[in-house]
PDB file of N, CA and C in Angstrom:
ATOM      1  N   MET A   1      -5.668 -18.595  -0.211  1.00  0.00           N
ATOM      2  CA  MET A   1      -6.053 -17.248  -0.595  1.00  0.00           C
ATOM      3  C   MET A   1      -6.736 -17.317  -1.957  1.00  0.00           C
ATOM      4  N   LYS A   2      -7.850 -16.680  -2.086  1.00  0.00           N
ATOM      5  CA  LYS A   2      -8.636 -16.694  -3.317  1.00  0.00           C
ATOM      6  C   LYS A   2      -8.021 -15.764  -4.364  1.00  0.00           C
ATOM      7  N   SER A   3      -7.918 -16.240  -5.583  1.00  0.00           N
ATOM      8  CA  SER A   3      -7.415 -15.418  -6.679  1.00  0.00           C
ATOM      9  C   SER A   3      -8.537 -14.519  -7.189  1.00  0.00           C
ATOM     10  N   THR A   4      -8.215 -13.240  -7.400  1.00  0.00           N
ATOM     11  CA  THR A   4      -9.227 -12.297  -7.886  1.00  0.00           C
ATOM     12  C   THR A   4      -9.221 -12.203  -9.397  1.00  0.00           C
ATOM     13  N   GLY A   5      -8.200 -12.757 -10.034  1.00  0.00           N
ATOM     14  CA  GLY A   5      -8.098 -12.645 -11.478  1.00  0.00           C
ATOM     15  C   GLY A   5      -7.575 -11.299 -11.931  1.00  0.00           C
ATOM     16  N   ILE A   6      -7.149 -10.453 -11.002  1.00  0.00           N
ATOM     17  CA  ILE A   6      -6.632  -9.127 -11.332  1.00  0.00           C
ATOM     18  C   ILE A   6      -5.112  -9.189 -11.308  1.00  0.00           C
ATOM     19  N   VAL A   7      -4.491  -8.755 -12.383  1.00  0.00           N
ATOM     20  CA  VAL A   7      -3.030  -8.731 -12.474  1.00  0.00           C
ATOM     21  C   VAL A   7      -2.598  -7.295 -12.736  1.00  0.00           C
ATOM     22  N   ARG A   8      -1.615  -6.838 -11.985  1.00  0.00           N
ATOM     23  CA  ARG A   8      -1.080  -5.488 -12.160  1.00  0.00           C
ATOM     24  C   ARG A   8       0.426  -5.583 -12.325  1.00  0.00           C
ATOM     25  N   LYS A   9       1.006  -4.668 -13.083  1.00  0.00           N
ATOM     26  CA  LYS A   9       2.452  -4.612 -13.261  1.00  0.00           C
ATOM     27  C   LYS A   9       3.047  -3.613 -12.281  1.00  0.00           C
ATOM     28  N   VAL A  10       4.267  -3.887 -11.857  1.00  0.00           N
ATOM     29  CA  VAL A  10       5.026  -2.972 -11.015  1.00  0.00           C
ATOM     30  C   VAL A  10       5.673  -1.949 -11.940  1.00  0.00           C
ATOM     31  N   ASP A  11       5.519  -0.636 -11.612  1.00  0.00           N
ATOM     32  CA  ASP A  11       6.120   0.385 -12.477  1.00  0.00           C
ATOM     33  C   ASP A  11       7.605   0.566 -12.144  1.00  0.00           C
ATOM     34  N   SER A  12       8.268   1.465 -12.845  1.00  0.00           N
ATOM     35  CA  SER A  12       9.717   1.653 -12.685  1.00  0.00           C
ATOM     36  C   SER A  12      10.106   2.165 -11.298  1.00  0.00           C
ATOM     37  N   LEU A  13       9.160   2.713 -10.553  1.00  0.00           N
ATOM     38  CA  LEU A  13       9.418   3.182  -9.188  1.00  0.00           C
ATOM     39  C   LEU A  13       9.008   2.151  -8.138  1.00  0.00           C
ATOM     40  N   GLY A  14       8.565   0.967  -8.579  1.00  0.00           N
ATOM     41  CA  GLY A  14       8.175  -0.089  -7.649  1.00  0.00           C
ATOM     42  C   GLY A  14       6.741   0.014  -7.171  1.00  0.00           C
ATOM     43  N   ARG A  15       5.933   0.830  -7.811  1.00  0.00           N
ATOM     44  CA  ARG A  15       4.544   1.034  -7.387  1.00  0.00           C
ATOM     45  C   ARG A  15       3.597   0.073  -8.091  1.00  0.00           C
ATOM     46  N   VAL A  16       2.534  -0.270  -7.382  1.00  0.00           N
ATOM     47  CA  VAL A  16       1.455  -1.096  -7.926  1.00  0.00           C
ATOM     48  C   VAL A  16       0.149  -0.388  -7.599  1.00  0.00           C
ATOM     49  N   VAL A  17      -0.739  -0.267  -8.565  1.00  0.00           N
ATOM     50  CA  VAL A  17      -2.044   0.357  -8.337  1.00  0.00           C
ATOM     51  C   VAL A  17      -3.011  -0.708  -7.832  1.00  0.00           C
ATOM     52  N   LEU A  18      -3.643  -0.435  -6.694  1.00  0.00           N
ATOM     53  CA  LEU A  18      -4.663  -1.341  -6.166  1.00  0.00           C
ATOM     54  C   LEU A  18      -5.999  -0.977  -6.797  1.00  0.00           C
ATOM     55  N   PRO A  19      -6.675  -1.931  -7.403  1.00  0.00           N
ATOM     56  CA  PRO A  19      -7.961  -1.639  -8.045  1.00  0.00           C
ATOM     57  C   PRO A  19      -8.977  -1.076  -7.051  1.00  0.00           C
ATOM     58  N   ILE A  20      -9.801  -0.163  -7.522  1.00  0.00           N
ATOM     59  CA  ILE A  20     -10.783   0.495  -6.660  1.00  0.00           C
ATOM     60  C   ILE A  20     -11.728  -0.505  -6.003  1.00  0.00           C
ATOM     61  N   GLU A  21     -12.058  -1.593  -6.702  1.00  0.00           N
ATOM     62  CA  GLU A  21     -12.955  -2.593  -6.117  1.00  0.00           C
ATOM     63  C   GLU A  21     -12.343  -3.189  -4.846  1.00  0.00           C
ATOM     64  N   LEU A  22     -11.040  -3.471  -4.884  1.00  0.00           N
ATOM     65  CA  LEU A  22     -10.366  -4.029  -3.712  1.00  0.00           C
ATOM     66  C   LEU A  22     -10.260  -2.996  -2.597  1.00  0.00           C
ATOM     67  N   ARG A  23      -9.952  -1.749  -2.962  1.00  0.00           N
ATOM     68  CA  ARG A  23      -9.850  -0.697  -1.942  1.00  0.00           C
ATOM     69  C   ARG A  23     -11.189  -0.477  -1.258  1.00  0.00           C
ATOM     70  N   ARG A  24     -12.267  -0.500  -2.020  1.00  0.00           N
ATOM     71  CA  ARG A  24     -13.603  -0.332  -1.426  1.00  0.00           C
ATOM     72  C   ARG A  24     -13.936  -1.498  -0.508  1.00  0.00           C
ATOM     73  N   THR A  25     -13.645  -2.713  -0.968  1.00  0.00           N
ATOM     74  CA  THR A  25     -13.916  -3.905  -0.163  1.00  0.00           C
ATOM     75  C   THR A  25     -13.175  -3.853   1.169  1.00  0.00           C
ATOM     76  N   MET A  26     -11.942  -3.351   1.148  1.00  0.00           N
ATOM     77  CA  MET A  26     -11.115  -3.297   2.352  1.00  0.00           C
ATOM     78  C   MET A  26     -11.310  -2.013   3.154  1.00  0.00           C
ATOM     79  N   GLY A  27     -12.164  -1.110   2.667  1.00  0.00           N
ATOM     80  CA  GLY A  27     -12.409   0.146   3.378  1.00  0.00           C
ATOM     81  C   GLY A  27     -11.209   1.078   3.369  1.00  0.00           C
ATOM     82  N   MET A  28     -10.431   1.041   2.299  1.00  0.00           N
ATOM     83  CA  MET A  28      -9.239   1.888   2.195  1.00  0.00           C
ATOM     84  C   MET A  28      -9.576   3.188   1.486  1.00  0.00           C
ATOM     85  N   ASP A  29      -9.160   4.295   2.091  1.00  0.00           N
ATOM     86  CA  ASP A  29      -9.350   5.609   1.500  1.00  0.00           C
ATOM     87  C   ASP A  29      -7.998   6.179   1.094  1.00  0.00           C
ATOM     88  N   VAL A  30      -8.025   7.262   0.332  1.00  0.00           N
ATOM     89  CA  VAL A  30      -6.801   7.935  -0.081  1.00  0.00           C
ATOM     90  C   VAL A  30      -6.001   8.330   1.160  1.00  0.00           C
ATOM     91  N   LYS A  31      -4.708   8.083   1.125  1.00  0.00           N
ATOM     92  CA  LYS A  31      -3.745   8.413   2.189  1.00  0.00           C
ATOM     93  C   LYS A  31      -3.860   7.530   3.424  1.00  0.00           C
ATOM     94  N   ASP A  32      -4.694   6.479   3.407  1.00  0.00           N
ATOM     95  CA  ASP A  32      -4.715   5.529   4.519  1.00  0.00           C
ATOM     96  C   ASP A  32      -3.378   4.796   4.567  1.00  0.00           C
ATOM     97  N   PRO A  33      -2.836   4.580   5.769  1.00  0.00           N
ATOM     98  CA  PRO A  33      -1.589   3.815   5.850  1.00  0.00           C
ATOM     99  C   PRO A  33      -1.849   2.343   5.548  1.00  0.00           C
ATOM    100  N   VAL A  34      -0.890   1.722   4.869  1.00  0.00           N
ATOM    101  CA  VAL A  34      -0.983   0.314   4.495  1.00  0.00           C
ATOM    102  C   VAL A  34       0.251  -0.396   5.052  1.00  0.00           C
ATOM    103  N   GLU A  35       0.033  -1.518   5.710  1.00  0.00           N
ATOM    104  CA  GLU A  35       1.129  -2.323   6.248  1.00  0.00           C
ATOM    105  C   GLU A  35       1.547  -3.338   5.186  1.00  0.00           C
ATOM    106  N   ILE A  36       2.849  -3.484   4.988  1.00  0.00           N
ATOM    107  CA  ILE A  36       3.381  -4.407   3.988  1.00  0.00           C
ATOM    108  C   ILE A  36       4.345  -5.352   4.696  1.00  0.00           C
ATOM    109  N   PHE A  37       4.144  -6.660   4.507  1.00  0.00           N
ATOM    110  CA  PHE A  37       5.061  -7.628   5.107  1.00  0.00           C
ATOM    111  C   PHE A  37       5.108  -8.891   4.261  1.00  0.00           C
ATOM    112  N   VAL A  38       6.086  -9.734   4.539  1.00  0.00           N
ATOM    113  CA  VAL A  38       6.258 -10.993   3.822  1.00  0.00           C
ATOM    114  C   VAL A  38       5.737 -12.115   4.700  1.00  0.00           C
ATOM    115  N   GLN A  39       4.964 -12.997   4.095  1.00  0.00           N
ATOM    116  CA  GLN A  39       4.424 -14.159   4.796  1.00  0.00           C
ATOM    117  C   GLN A  39       4.699 -15.371   3.905  1.00  0.00           C
ATOM    118  N   GLY A  40       5.736 -16.118   4.257  1.00  0.00           N
ATOM    119  CA  GLY A  40       6.145 -17.233   3.409  1.00  0.00           C
ATOM    120  C   GLY A  40       6.658 -16.709   2.081  1.00  0.00           C
ATOM    121  N   ASP A  41       6.015 -17.133   0.994  1.00  0.00           N
ATOM    122  CA  ASP A  41       6.435 -16.686  -0.339  1.00  0.00           C
ATOM    123  C   ASP A  41       5.522 -15.598  -0.895  1.00  0.00           C
ATOM    124  N   ARG A  42       4.784 -14.915  -0.010  1.00  0.00           N
ATOM    125  CA  ARG A  42       3.830 -13.888  -0.447  1.00  0.00           C
ATOM    126  C   ARG A  42       4.167 -12.523   0.137  1.00  0.00           C
ATOM    127  N   ILE A  43       3.842 -11.498  -0.613  1.00  0.00           N
ATOM    128  CA  ILE A  43       3.895 -10.129  -0.105  1.00  0.00           C
ATOM    129  C   ILE A  43       2.465  -9.776   0.267  1.00  0.00           C
ATOM    130  N   VAL A  44       2.256  -9.383   1.522  1.00  0.00           N
ATOM    131  CA  VAL A  44       0.912  -9.107   2.025  1.00  0.00           C
ATOM    132  C   VAL A  44       0.760  -7.613   2.266  1.00  0.00           C
ATOM    133  N   LEU A  45      -0.339  -7.054   1.775  1.00  0.00           N
ATOM    134  CA  LEU A  45      -0.694  -5.661   2.044  1.00  0.00           C
ATOM    135  C   LEU A  45      -1.994  -5.674   2.829  1.00  0.00           C
ATOM    136  N   ARG A  46      -2.062  -4.898   3.894  1.00  0.00           N
ATOM    137  CA  ARG A  46      -3.318  -4.772   4.623  1.00  0.00           C
ATOM    138  C   ARG A  46      -3.415  -3.372   5.214  1.00  0.00           C
ATOM    139  N   LYS A  47      -4.645  -2.955   5.420  1.00  0.00           N
ATOM    140  CA  LYS A  47      -4.880  -1.648   6.027  1.00  0.00           C
ATOM    141  C   LYS A  47      -4.226  -1.654   7.407  1.00  0.00           C
ATOM    142  N   TYR A  48      -3.428  -0.639   7.684  1.00  0.00           N
ATOM    143  CA  TYR A  48      -2.683  -0.578   8.941  1.00  0.00           C
ATOM    144  C   TYR A  48      -3.607  -0.333  10.123  1.00  0.00           C
ATOM    145  N   GLN A  49      -3.421  -1.110  11.159  1.00  0.00           N
ATOM    146  CA  GLN A  49      -4.117  -0.931  12.428  1.00  0.00           C
ATOM    147  C   GLN A  49      -3.047  -0.863  13.508  1.00  0.00           C
ATOM    148  N   PRO A  50      -2.962   0.222  14.273  1.00  0.00           N
ATOM    149  CA  PRO A  50      -1.970   0.285  15.340  1.00  0.00           C
ATOM    150  C   PRO A  50      -2.212  -0.836  16.353  1.00  0.00           C
ATOM    151  N   ALA A  51      -1.118  -1.330  16.961  1.00  0.00           N
ATOM    152  CA  ALA A  51      -1.229  -2.420  17.926  1.00  0.00           C
ATOM    153  C   ALA A  51      -0.224  -2.219  19.054  1.00  0.00           C
ATOM    154  N   CYS A  52      -0.493  -2.851  20.175  1.00  0.00           N
ATOM    155  CA  CYS A  52       0.379  -2.791  21.350  1.00  0.00           C
ATOM    156  C   CYS A  52       1.754  -3.359  21.008  1.00  0.00           C
ATOM    157  N   ILE A  53       2.796  -2.642  21.385  1.00  0.00           N
ATOM    158  CA  ILE A  53       4.171  -3.051  21.117  1.00  0.00           C
ATOM    159  C   ILE A  53       4.527  -4.340  21.858  1.00  0.00           C
ATOM    160  N   PHE A  54       3.830  -4.636  22.955  1.00  0.00           N
ATOM    161  CA  PHE A  54       4.154  -5.815  23.761  1.00  0.00           C
ATOM    162  C   PHE A  54       3.338  -7.050  23.397  1.00  0.00           C
ATOM    163  N   CYS A  55       2.024  -6.911  23.269  1.00  0.00           N
ATOM    164  CA  CYS A  55       1.170  -8.093  23.079  1.00  0.00           C
ATOM    165  C   CYS A  55       0.477  -8.149  21.721  1.00  0.00           C
ATOM    166  N   GLY A  56       0.505  -7.052  20.971  1.00  0.00           N
ATOM    167  CA  GLY A  56      -0.119  -7.044  19.653  1.00  0.00           C
ATOM    168  C   GLY A  56      -1.601  -6.712  19.652  1.00  0.00           C
ATOM    169  N   SER A  57      -2.183  -6.454  20.813  1.00  0.00           N
ATOM    170  CA  SER A  57      -3.606  -6.117  20.891  1.00  0.00           C
ATOM    171  C   SER A  57      -3.892  -4.816  20.144  1.00  0.00           C
ATOM    172  N   GLU A  58      -5.048  -4.771  19.503  1.00  0.00           N
ATOM    173  CA  GLU A  58      -5.453  -3.566  18.773  1.00  0.00           C
ATOM    174  C   GLU A  58      -6.508  -2.778  19.545  1.00  0.00           C
ATOM    175  N   LYS A  59      -6.779  -3.179  20.789  1.00  0.00           N
ATOM    176  CA  LYS A  59      -7.840  -2.549  21.580  1.00  0.00           C
ATOM    177  C   LYS A  59      -7.270  -1.781  22.762  1.00  0.00           C
ATOM    178  N   ASP A  60      -7.959  -0.701  23.127  1.00  0.00           N
ATOM    179  CA  ASP A  60      -7.653   0.068  24.337  1.00  0.00           C
ATOM    180  C   ASP A  60      -6.200   0.551  24.365  1.00  0.00           C
ATOM    181  N   LEU A  61      -5.769   1.201  23.292  1.00  0.00           N
ATOM    182  CA  LEU A  61      -4.374   1.621  23.148  1.00  0.00           C
ATOM    183  C   LEU A  61      -4.130   3.027  23.668  1.00  0.00           C
ATOM    184  N   VAL A  62      -2.921   3.222  24.196  1.00  0.00           N
ATOM    185  CA  VAL A  62      -2.459   4.520  24.665  1.00  0.00           C
ATOM    186  C   VAL A  62      -1.132   4.789  23.958  1.00  0.00           C
ATOM    187  N   GLU A  63      -0.966   6.004  23.447  1.00  0.00           N
ATOM    188  CA  GLU A  63       0.282   6.353  22.777  1.00  0.00           C
ATOM    189  C   GLU A  63       1.323   6.741  23.814  1.00  0.00           C
ATOM    190  N   HIS A  64       2.500   6.128  23.727  1.00  0.00           N
ATOM    191  CA  HIS A  64       3.616   6.451  24.621  1.00  0.00           C
ATOM    192  C   HIS A  64       4.837   6.710  23.747  1.00  0.00           C
ATOM    193  N   GLY A  65       5.157   7.971  23.536  1.00  0.00           N
ATOM    194  CA  GLY A  65       6.243   8.320  22.619  1.00  0.00           C
ATOM    195  C   GLY A  65       5.881   7.882  21.209  1.00  0.00           C
ATOM    196  N   ASP A  66       6.741   7.060  20.622  1.00  0.00           N
ATOM    197  CA  ASP A  66       6.499   6.545  19.271  1.00  0.00           C
ATOM    198  C   ASP A  66       5.771   5.211  19.287  1.00  0.00           C
ATOM    199  N   TYR A  67       5.374   4.734  20.446  1.00  0.00           N
ATOM    200  CA  TYR A  67       4.804   3.394  20.571  1.00  0.00           C
ATOM    201  C   TYR A  67       3.371   3.418  21.082  1.00  0.00           C
ATOM    202  N   MET A  68       2.646   2.355  20.769  1.00  0.00           N
ATOM    203  CA  MET A  68       1.298   2.156  21.292  1.00  0.00           C
ATOM    204  C   MET A  68       1.366   1.024  22.314  1.00  0.00           C
ATOM    205  N   VAL A  69       0.721   1.224  23.469  1.00  0.00           N
ATOM    206  CA  VAL A  69       0.698   0.216  24.528  1.00  0.00           C
ATOM    207  C   VAL A  69      -0.744   0.079  24.996  1.00  0.00           C
ATOM    208  N   CYS A  70      -1.212  -1.167  25.157  1.00  0.00           N
ATOM    209  CA  CYS A  70      -2.588  -1.366  25.622  1.00  0.00           C
ATOM    210  C   CYS A  70      -2.640  -1.212  27.142  1.00  0.00           C
ATOM    211  N   ARG A  71      -3.813  -0.915  27.651  1.00  0.00           N
ATOM    212  CA  ARG A  71      -3.978  -0.693  29.090  1.00  0.00           C
ATOM    213  C   ARG A  71      -3.645  -1.942  29.904  1.00  0.00           C
ATOM    214  N   SER A  72      -3.912  -3.119  29.364  1.00  0.00           N
ATOM    215  CA  SER A  72      -3.581  -4.363  30.076  1.00  0.00           C
ATOM    216  C   SER A  72      -2.077  -4.470  30.304  1.00  0.00           C
ATOM    217  N   CYS A  73      -1.293  -4.152  29.296  1.00  0.00           N
ATOM    218  CA  CYS A  73       0.164  -4.214  29.433  1.00  0.00           C
ATOM    219  C   CYS A  73       0.673  -3.109  30.357  1.00  0.00           C
ATOM    220  N   ILE A  74       0.053  -1.940  30.305  1.00  0.00           N
ATOM    221  CA  ILE A  74       0.432  -0.856  31.221  1.00  0.00           C
ATOM    222  C   ILE A  74       0.217  -1.309  32.655  1.00  0.00           C
ATOM    223  N   GLU A  75      -0.937  -1.933  32.926  1.00  0.00           N
ATOM    224  CA  GLU A  75      -1.231  -2.429  34.274  1.00  0.00           C
ATOM    225  C   GLU A  75      -0.248  -3.518  34.686  1.00  0.00           C
ATOM    226  N   ALA A  76       0.074  -4.423  33.768  1.00  0.00           N
ATOM    227  CA  ALA A  76       1.017  -5.504  34.073  1.00  0.00           C
ATOM    228  C   ALA A  76       2.407  -4.942  34.373  1.00  0.00           C
ATOM    229  N   LEU A  77       2.835  -3.944  33.613  1.00  0.00           N
ATOM    230  CA  LEU A  77       4.141  -3.331  33.847  1.00  0.00           C
ATOM    231  C   LEU A  77       4.170  -2.569  35.170  1.00  0.00           C
ATOM    232  N   ALA A  78       3.068  -1.939  35.519  1.00  0.00           N
ATOM    233  CA  ALA A  78       2.996  -1.169  36.763  1.00  0.00           C
ATOM    234  C   ALA A  78       3.090  -2.078  37.990  1.00  0.00           C
ATOM    235  N   GLN A  79       2.654  -3.333  37.849  1.00  0.00           N
ATOM    236  CA  GLN A  79       2.675  -4.275  38.975  1.00  0.00           C
ATOM    237  C   GLN A  79       4.055  -4.874  39.210  1.00  0.00           C
ATOM    238  N   LYS A  80       4.950  -4.769  38.225  1.00  0.00           N
ATOM    239  CA  LYS A  80       6.287  -5.378  38.361  1.00  0.00           C
ATOM    240  C   LYS A  80       7.242  -4.485  39.085  1.00  0.00           C
TER     241      LYS A  80
END
C-alpha cells in the first residue's frame, strides 16, 4: 500500500477526518456509507458497495428483507 504522507489524529470520540483529496479520489460524497474492516494489521476504509449475502457479487442485486441477493444465487436457490 502506498503511503500518502498524510497523518491524522484520532479525536476523543474516535473520529478521523479524511482529507478532501482522498475523498475526491475515491468518489466519496457527504453521507456516503463507508465500510470499515481489519485486514491483517491494518484498518481498511472503503466506499461501501452492497454485495450478495451468498457469493459476494456486487452485480445484479435484489433486496430481500435486510439482505442483498444476486440473481444468479436466486436462480441457484430456486433449483434446489
